Amino acid sequence: MASASSYDRRTRKLLHLLLGFPALLLPYLAHNVSMAAVIAAVLFTFWLRADRFSFISRLAKPSDRQMNTVTGFQVYAIVVLILVAIVPLLDNYGLQGERYAMLGWLVMAWGDGLSGLLGPGPRVARTVPWNADKTWLGSLGALLGSAAAGIVCFALQLDGLVPWPLPQAIVLTGSVAFAAAVLESLQLGIDDNFTVGIGSVLTAILIAGQL
């Protein structure tokens, strides 16, 4: 098994970011197909073990290696499952569920992923006052990645999803990006995949209701 010093944080964050791109398929797939694919992905992450593949071992945090698991992958997949599962519920309330599920997935992937890529460790860059483990550069990455997600979800034409008027799209994108950057930097004792992925959707719904 790989040593703690071989933990490849950058590659892990890059993979975190790249795994957001399948979210762009949500508007084009039937909901039952999306659910089946995500459930399979969740089961796959629980099958993965840090000692089964050297690549996975390098991506696993030292604490995960001790438990021979990859909890980050598991939480990521569970959040995606939650987002896809609530699509019919949001549809019932007159919201475009696929749009918001895609938003939460992309903000989690791109916002948190870019935060990890741009934000060096706290020993290298200046940290935010409220969390000694998070840096200002990381928060900037979260802001930029989340803004990109908002633009895709609210300002671009996708199958069945008509773009919002530009002023509203800008307000929504800015609100979601700011909220995601704050949530990603907080020390809440909860995996930030949950807080960023779910929190961004709740923020978007609340702001959209005021527009």
C-alpha atoms as a PDB file:
ATOM      1  CA  MET A   1       0.000   0.000   0.000  1.00  0.00           C
ATOM      2  CA  ALA A   2       1.242   3.488  -0.800  1.00  0.00           C
ATOM      3  CA  SER A   3       2.756   5.575   1.954  1.00  0.00           C
ATOM      4  CA  ALA A   4       1.123   8.722   3.294  1.00  0.00           C
ATOM      5  CA  SER A   5       3.736  10.854   1.574  1.00  0.00           C
ATOM      6  CA  SER A   6       2.610   9.540  -1.849  1.00  0.00           C
ATOM      7  CA  TYR A   7      -0.910  10.961  -1.482  1.00  0.00           C
ATOM      8  CA  ASP A   8      -1.558  12.714  -4.817  1.00  0.00           C
ATOM      9  CA  ARG A   9      -3.869  15.547  -3.797  1.00  0.00           C
ATOM     10  CA  ARG A  10      -3.636  17.442  -7.099  1.00  0.00           C
ATOM     11  CA  THR A  11      -4.633  14.476  -9.238  1.00  0.00           C
ATOM     12  CA  ARG A  12      -7.472  13.700  -6.837  1.00  0.00           C
ATOM     13  CA  LYS A  13      -8.811  17.258  -7.186  1.00  0.00           C
ATOM     14  CA  LEU A  14      -8.412  17.158 -10.973  1.00  0.00           C
ATOM     15  CA  LEU A  15     -10.428  13.946 -11.078  1.00  0.00           C
ATOM     16  CA  HIS A  16     -12.963  15.582  -8.748  1.00  0.00           C
ATOM     17  CA  LEU A  17     -13.355  18.380 -11.299  1.00  0.00           C
ATOM     18  CA  LEU A  18     -13.483  16.132 -14.378  1.00  0.00           C
ATOM     19  CA  LEU A  19     -16.182  13.923 -12.886  1.00  0.00           C
ATOM     20  CA  GLY A  20     -18.529  16.886 -13.083  1.00  0.00           C
ATOM     21  CA  PHE A  21     -18.791  16.730 -16.863  1.00  0.00           C
ATOM     22  CA  PRO A  22     -21.224  13.767 -16.898  1.00  0.00           C
ATOM     23  CA  ALA A  23     -23.693  16.144 -15.203  1.00  0.00           C
ATOM     24  CA  LEU A  24     -24.098  17.824 -18.592  1.00  0.00           C
ATOM     25  CA  LEU A  25     -25.859  14.673 -19.795  1.00  0.00           C
ATOM     26  CA  LEU A  26     -28.734  14.979 -17.309  1.00  0.00           C
ATOM     27  CA  PRO A  27     -30.997  17.064 -19.588  1.00  0.00           C
ATOM     28  CA  TYR A  28     -30.550  14.509 -22.359  1.00  0.00           C
ATOM     29  CA  LEU A  29     -31.249  11.322 -20.377  1.00  0.00           C
ATOM     30  CA  ALA A  30     -34.463   9.852 -19.037  1.00  0.00           C
ATOM     31  CA  HIS A  31     -34.600  10.153 -15.259  1.00  0.00           C
ATOM     32  CA  ASN A  32     -34.696   6.387 -14.702  1.00  0.00           C
ATOM     33  CA  VAL A  33     -31.570   5.996 -16.814  1.00  0.00           C
ATOM     34  CA  SER A  34     -29.769   8.690 -14.811  1.00  0.00           C
ATOM     35  CA  MET A  35     -30.840   7.068 -11.536  1.00  0.00           C
ATOM     36  CA  ALA A  36     -29.651   3.630 -12.636  1.00  0.00           C
ATOM     37  CA  ALA A  37     -26.265   5.017 -13.692  1.00  0.00           C
ATOM     38  CA  VAL A  38     -25.777   6.940 -10.450  1.00  0.00           C
ATOM     39  CA  ILE A  39     -26.805   3.986  -8.271  1.00  0.00           C
ATOM     40  CA  ALA A  40     -24.269   1.860 -10.131  1.00  0.00           C
ATOM     41  CA  ALA A  41     -21.642   4.536  -9.511  1.00  0.00           C
ATOM     42  CA  VAL A  42     -22.413   4.569  -5.774  1.00  0.00           C
ATOM     43  CA  LEU A  43     -22.081   0.793  -5.570  1.00  0.00           C
ATOM     44  CA  PHE A  44     -18.811   0.985  -7.496  1.00  0.00           C
ATOM     45  CA  THR A  45     -17.306   3.477  -5.037  1.00  0.00           C
ATOM     46  CA  PHE A  46     -18.106   1.131  -2.146  1.00  0.00           C
ATOM     47  CA  TRP A  47     -16.473  -1.727  -4.053  1.00  0.00           C
ATOM     48  CA  LEU A  48     -13.275   0.279  -4.520  1.00  0.00           C
ATOM     49  CA  ARG A  49     -10.528  -0.397  -2.009  1.00  0.00           C
ATOM     50  CA  ALA A  50      -7.289   1.489  -1.543  1.00  0.00           C
ATOM     51  CA  ASP A  51      -5.230  -1.712  -1.841  1.00  0.00           C
ATOM     52  CA  ARG A  52      -6.864  -2.988  -5.031  1.00  0.00           C
ATOM     53  CA  PHE A  53      -5.340  -0.488  -7.453  1.00  0.00           C
ATOM     54  CA  SER A  54      -2.150   1.538  -7.069  1.00  0.00           C
ATOM     55  CA  PHE A  55      -3.825   4.519  -8.749  1.00  0.00           C
ATOM     56  CA  ILE A  56      -6.682   4.481  -6.236  1.00  0.00           C
ATOM     57  CA  SER A  57      -4.211   4.088  -3.409  1.00  0.00           C
ATOM     58  CA  ARG A  58      -2.405   7.259  -4.501  1.00  0.00           C
ATOM     59  CA  LEU A  59      -5.705   9.147  -4.559  1.00  0.00           C
ATOM     60  CA  ALA A  60      -6.863   7.872  -1.165  1.00  0.00           C
ATOM     61  CA  LYS A  61      -6.183  10.055   1.837  1.00  0.00           C
ATOM     62  CA  PRO A  62      -3.894   8.500   4.470  1.00  0.00           C
ATOM     63  CA  SER A  63      -6.875   8.095   6.806  1.00  0.00           C
ATOM     64  CA  ASP A  64      -8.754   6.226   4.064  1.00  0.00           C
ATOM     65  CA  ARG A  65      -5.816   3.920   3.476  1.00  0.00           C
ATOM     66  CA  GLN A  66      -5.911   2.872   7.100  1.00  0.00           C
ATOM     67  CA  MET A  67      -9.565   1.873   6.640  1.00  0.00           C
ATOM     68  CA  ASN A  68      -8.859   0.522   3.133  1.00  0.00           C
ATOM     69  CA  THR A  69     -11.610   2.637   1.586  1.00  0.00           C
ATOM     70  CA  VAL A  70     -12.117   5.874  -0.380  1.00  0.00           C
ATOM     71  CA  THR A  71     -14.715   7.845   1.535  1.00  0.00           C
ATOM     72  CA  GLY A  72     -14.311  10.944  -0.643  1.00  0.00           C
ATOM     73  CA  PHE A  73     -15.442   9.043  -3.733  1.00  0.00           C
ATOM     74  CA  GLN A  74     -18.320   7.515  -1.796  1.00  0.00           C
ATOM     75  CA  VAL A  75     -19.600  10.847  -0.485  1.00  0.00           C
ATOM     76  CA  TYR A  76     -19.248  12.422  -3.944  1.00  0.00           C
ATOM     77  CA  ALA A  77     -21.368   9.670  -5.495  1.00  0.00           C
ATOM     78  CA  ILE A  78     -23.954   9.806  -2.700  1.00  0.00           C
ATOM     79  CA  VAL A  79     -24.401  13.560  -3.168  1.00  0.00           C
ATOM     80  CA  VAL A  80     -24.928  13.045  -6.891  1.00  0.00           C
ATOM     81  CA  LEU A  81     -27.476  10.336  -6.086  1.00  0.00           C
ATOM     82  CA  ILE A  82     -29.365  12.713  -3.786  1.00  0.00           C
ATOM     83  CA  LEU A  83     -29.371  15.443  -6.427  1.00  0.00           C
ATOM     84  CA  VAL A  84     -30.641  13.163  -9.167  1.00  0.00           C
ATOM     85  CA  ALA A  85     -33.207  11.542  -6.850  1.00  0.00           C
ATOM     86  CA  ILE A  86     -34.871  14.875  -6.017  1.00  0.00           C
ATOM     87  CA  VAL A  87     -35.439  15.805  -9.674  1.00  0.00           C
ATOM     88  CA  PRO A  88     -39.095  14.588  -9.670  1.00  0.00           C
ATOM     89  CA  LEU A  89     -39.737  16.366  -6.364  1.00  0.00           C
ATOM     90  CA  LEU A  90     -38.466  19.656  -7.764  1.00  0.00           C
ATOM     91  CA  ASP A  91     -40.471  19.105 -10.941  1.00  0.00           C
ATOM     92  CA  ASN A  92     -43.611  18.723  -8.825  1.00  0.00           C
ATOM     93  CA  TYR A  93     -43.004  22.175  -7.376  1.00  0.00           C
ATOM     94  CA  GLY A  94     -42.751  23.747 -10.822  1.00  0.00           C
ATOM     95  CA  LEU A  95     -38.956  23.818 -10.860  1.00  0.00           C
ATOM     96  CA  GLN A  96     -36.832  22.271 -13.570  1.00  0.00           C
ATOM     97  CA  GLY A  97     -35.335  19.508 -11.475  1.00  0.00           C
ATOM     98  CA  GLU A  98     -32.688  18.537 -13.998  1.00  0.00           C
ATOM     99  CA  ARG A  99     -31.351  22.098 -14.065  1.00  0.00           C
ATOM    100  CA  TYR A 100     -30.908  22.235 -10.292  1.00  0.00           C
ATOM    101  CA  ALA A 101     -29.520  18.713 -10.030  1.00  0.00           C
ATOM    102  CA  MET A 102     -26.997  19.579 -12.716  1.00  0.00           C
ATOM    103  CA  LEU A 103     -26.142  22.802 -10.890  1.00  0.00           C
ATOM    104  CA  GLY A 104     -25.460  21.074  -7.575  1.00  0.00           C
ATOM    105  CA  TRP A 105     -23.344  18.418  -9.258  1.00  0.00           C
ATOM    106  CA  LEU A 106     -21.297  20.926 -11.253  1.00  0.00           C
ATOM    107  CA  VAL A 107     -20.780  23.294  -8.327  1.00  0.00           C
ATOM    108  CA  MET A 108     -19.577  20.401  -6.193  1.00  0.00           C
ATOM    109  CA  ALA A 109     -17.277  19.176  -8.963  1.00  0.00           C
ATOM    110  CA  TRP A 110     -15.957  22.418 -10.410  1.00  0.00           C
ATOM    111  CA  GLY A 111     -16.163  24.673  -7.364  1.00  0.00           C
ATOM    112  CA  ASP A 112     -14.610  22.290  -4.859  1.00  0.00           C
ATOM    113  CA  GLY A 113     -12.295  20.811  -7.484  1.00  0.00           C
ATOM    114  CA  LEU A 114     -10.905  24.142  -8.636  1.00  0.00           C
ATOM    115  CA  SER A 115     -10.585  25.202  -5.011  1.00  0.00           C
ATOM    116  CA  GLY A 116      -8.237  22.297  -4.431  1.00  0.00           C
ATOM    117  CA  LEU A 117      -6.273  22.924  -7.619  1.00  0.00           C
ATOM    118  CA  LEU A 118      -5.749  26.666  -7.085  1.00  0.00           C
ATOM    119  CA  GLY A 119      -5.485  26.619  -3.314  1.00  0.00           C
ATOM    120  CA  PRO A 120      -2.125  25.381  -2.062  1.00  0.00           C
ATOM    121  CA  GLY A 121      -1.830  24.017   1.452  1.00  0.00           C
ATOM    122  CA  PRO A 122      -2.264  26.391   4.417  1.00  0.00           C
ATOM    123  CA  ARG A 123       1.502  26.368   5.020  1.00  0.00           C
ATOM    124  CA  VAL A 124       2.052  27.907   1.591  1.00  0.00           C
ATOM    125  CA  ALA A 125      -0.717  30.475   1.172  1.00  0.00           C
ATOM    126  CA  ARG A 126      -2.626  32.822   3.464  1.00  0.00           C
ATOM    127  CA  THR A 127      -5.594  31.184   5.137  1.00  0.00           C
ATOM    128  CA  VAL A 128      -9.058  32.614   5.685  1.00  0.00           C
ATOM    129  CA  PRO A 129      -9.630  33.957   9.229  1.00  0.00           C
ATOM    130  CA  TRP A 130     -12.398  31.469  10.047  1.00  0.00           C
ATOM    131  CA  ASN A 131     -10.644  28.254   8.979  1.00  0.00           C
ATOM    132  CA  ALA A 132      -6.923  27.602   9.266  1.00  0.00           C
ATOM    133  CA  ASP A 133      -7.192  24.758   6.731  1.00  0.00           C
ATOM    134  CA  LYS A 134      -8.627  26.880   3.898  1.00  0.00           C
ATOM    135  CA  THR A 135      -6.852  29.554   1.851  1.00  0.00           C
ATOM    136  CA  TRP A 136      -8.020  32.662   0.029  1.00  0.00           C
ATOM    137  CA  LEU A 137      -6.749  31.214  -3.240  1.00  0.00           C
ATOM    138  CA  GLY A 138      -8.838  28.128  -2.625  1.00  0.00           C
ATOM    139  CA  SER A 139     -11.919  30.276  -2.012  1.00  0.00           C
ATOM    140  CA  LEU A 140     -11.222  32.114  -5.257  1.00  0.00           C
ATOM    141  CA  GLY A 141     -11.092  28.765  -7.048  1.00  0.00           C
ATOM    142  CA  ALA A 142     -14.409  27.757  -5.506  1.00  0.00           C
ATOM    143  CA  LEU A 143     -15.919  31.060  -6.611  1.00  0.00           C
ATOM    144  CA  LEU A 144     -14.687  30.728 -10.199  1.00  0.00           C
ATOM    145  CA  GLY A 145     -15.621  27.061 -10.562  1.00  0.00           C
ATOM    146  CA  SER A 146     -19.078  27.642  -9.122  1.00  0.00           C
ATOM    147  CA  ALA A 147     -19.594  30.668 -11.372  1.00  0.00           C
ATOM    148  CA  ALA A 148     -18.770  28.516 -14.393  1.00  0.00           C
ATOM    149  CA  ALA A 149     -21.360  25.990 -13.209  1.00  0.00           C
ATOM    150  CA  GLY A 150     -23.970  28.731 -12.827  1.00  0.00           C
ATOM    151  CA  ILE A 151     -23.308  30.055 -16.315  1.00  0.00           C
ATOM    152  CA  VAL A 152     -23.734  26.590 -17.820  1.00  0.00           C
ATOM    153  CA  CYS A 153     -26.964  25.911 -15.933  1.00  0.00           C
ATOM    154  CA  PHE A 154     -28.676  29.288 -16.296  1.00  0.00           C
ATOM    155  CA  ALA A 155     -27.202  31.036 -19.326  1.00  0.00           C
ATOM    156  CA  LEU A 156     -26.652  28.267 -21.897  1.00  0.00           C
ATOM    157  CA  GLN A 157     -29.151  26.442 -24.097  1.00  0.00           C
ATOM    158  CA  LEU A 158     -29.388  22.771 -23.203  1.00  0.00           C
ATOM    159  CA  ASP A 159     -31.922  20.145 -24.257  1.00  0.00           C
ATOM    160  CA  GLY A 160     -35.244  21.174 -22.735  1.00  0.00           C
ATOM    161  CA  LEU A 161     -33.649  23.879 -20.588  1.00  0.00           C
ATOM    162  CA  VAL A 162     -34.209  27.378 -21.924  1.00  0.00           C
ATOM    163  CA  PRO A 163     -31.633  29.961 -20.733  1.00  0.00           C
ATOM    164  CA  TRP A 164     -32.777  32.443 -18.126  1.00  0.00           C
ATOM    165  CA  PRO A 165     -32.838  36.149 -19.077  1.00  0.00           C
ATOM    166  CA  LEU A 166     -29.263  37.393 -18.768  1.00  0.00           C
ATOM    167  CA  PRO A 167     -29.796  39.740 -15.769  1.00  0.00           C
ATOM    168  CA  GLN A 168     -31.470  36.952 -13.781  1.00  0.00           C
ATOM    169  CA  ALA A 169     -28.838  34.432 -14.830  1.00  0.00           C
ATOM    170  CA  ILE A 170     -26.099  36.787 -13.613  1.00  0.00           C
ATOM    171  CA  VAL A 171     -27.796  37.304 -10.246  1.00  0.00           C
ATOM    172  CA  LEU A 172     -28.325  33.571  -9.775  1.00  0.00           C
ATOM    173  CA  THR A 173     -24.804  32.705 -10.859  1.00  0.00           C
ATOM    174  CA  GLY A 174     -23.241  35.306  -8.575  1.00  0.00           C
ATOM    175  CA  SER A 175     -25.359  34.260  -5.591  1.00  0.00           C
ATOM    176  CA  VAL A 176     -24.617  30.571  -6.037  1.00  0.00           C
ATOM    177  CA  ALA A 177     -20.898  31.177  -6.579  1.00  0.00           C
ATOM    178  CA  PHE A 178     -20.588  33.324  -3.459  1.00  0.00           C
ATOM    179  CA  ALA A 179     -22.568  30.867  -1.334  1.00  0.00           C
ATOM    180  CA  ALA A 180     -20.535  27.909  -2.591  1.00  0.00           C
ATOM    181  CA  ALA A 181     -17.225  29.683  -1.910  1.00  0.00           C
ATOM    182  CA  VAL A 182     -18.323  30.440   1.647  1.00  0.00           C
ATOM    183  CA  LEU A 183     -19.681  26.949   2.277  1.00  0.00           C
ATOM    184  CA  GLU A 184     -16.514  25.337   0.925  1.00  0.00           C
ATOM    185  CA  SER A 185     -14.375  27.344   3.349  1.00  0.00           C
ATOM    186  CA  LEU A 186     -16.408  26.729   6.507  1.00  0.00           C
ATOM    187  CA  GLN A 187     -15.331  24.262   9.178  1.00  0.00           C
ATOM    188  CA  LEU A 188     -18.595  22.490   9.919  1.00  0.00           C
ATOM    189  CA  GLY A 189     -17.521  18.934  10.581  1.00  0.00           C
ATOM    190  CA  ILE A 190     -19.471  17.832   7.496  1.00  0.00           C
ATOM    191  CA  ASP A 191     -17.923  16.757   4.192  1.00  0.00           C
ATOM    192  CA  ASP A 192     -17.956  19.854   1.977  1.00  0.00           C
ATOM    193  CA  ASN A 193     -19.320  17.808  -0.909  1.00  0.00           C
ATOM    194  CA  PHE A 194     -22.608  17.793   1.012  1.00  0.00           C
ATOM    195  CA  THR A 195     -22.553  21.450   2.009  1.00  0.00           C
ATOM    196  CA  VAL A 196     -21.450  22.749  -1.388  1.00  0.00           C
ATOM    197  CA  GLY A 197     -23.506  20.394  -3.562  1.00  0.00           C
ATOM    198  CA  ILE A 198     -26.769  20.626  -1.629  1.00  0.00           C
ATOM    199  CA  GLY A 199     -26.222  24.184  -0.385  1.00  0.00           C
ATOM    200  CA  SER A 200     -25.778  25.564  -3.882  1.00  0.00           C
ATOM    201  CA  VAL A 201     -29.114  24.071  -4.973  1.00  0.00           C
ATOM    202  CA  LEU A 202     -30.941  25.507  -1.952  1.00  0.00           C
ATOM    203  CA  THR A 203     -29.350  28.913  -2.585  1.00  0.00           C
ATOM    204  CA  ALA A 204     -30.395  28.861  -6.242  1.00  0.00           C
ATOM    205  CA  ILE A 205     -33.969  27.893  -5.380  1.00  0.00           C
ATOM    206  CA  LEU A 206     -34.253  30.635  -2.755  1.00  0.00           C
ATOM    207  CA  ILE A 207     -32.821  33.327  -5.025  1.00  0.00           C
ATOM    208  CA  ALA A 208     -34.832  32.167  -8.052  1.00  0.00           C
ATOM    209  CA  GLY A 209     -38.007  32.512  -6.000  1.00  0.00           C
ATOM    210  CA  GLN A 210     -37.236  36.215  -5.497  1.00  0.00           C
ATOM    211  CA  LEU A 211     -36.590  36.990  -9.168  1.00  0.00           C
END
